[in-house]
Amino acid sequence: MDEAYYAQQLKNHHWWSERIDKLLDGLRARLEARSAALGDDESPYVFYDAMREQAETPILVDSIAATLYRGQIPITPAERDLFRELMYKIEDPDPMFRFLHDRDHIMTELNVVDELPPLPDPGQDGHPALEVSIDLHRQPE
């Protein structure tokens, strides 16, 4: 392969890394608080980091979409715009990526807020004391 090809691949990798890192860095506290409230022992970032390292962009973006949509995690307009950029950068997503494939609907159903609510105080066990009700069977319409 020639230098131009590698240069383009590197540029593409940097584009994705920069945006995914920025989005996930901003969402970290909210996603980990949700995970802890649900009683998950492992941070969702273990999975996200593995997908980033393996350059599994479609599954990573689809997983983030599922978490934001199902959990109705509050996001800012800037985070929404960044997420939209990621969702639409993937051309013609495979239908197996349900949330990515239904991105028009998913984007309209995100919980976009002008001001983020404060994170809950940690409970006695160090996990946030939240009451969360999630419909695990909720599918994109």
Foldseek 3Di string as FASTA:
>chain_A
DDPVVVVVVVVVLCVVVVLVVVLCVVCVVQQQLVCVQVVHPDGCVVVLVVCNVVVVLLVNLLVVLCCQQQQLREDEPVSLVSSVCSLPVDPPDDCVSVCSNVVVQSSVRHRYDHDHDDRADQDPVRHGDDDGDTDPPDGRD
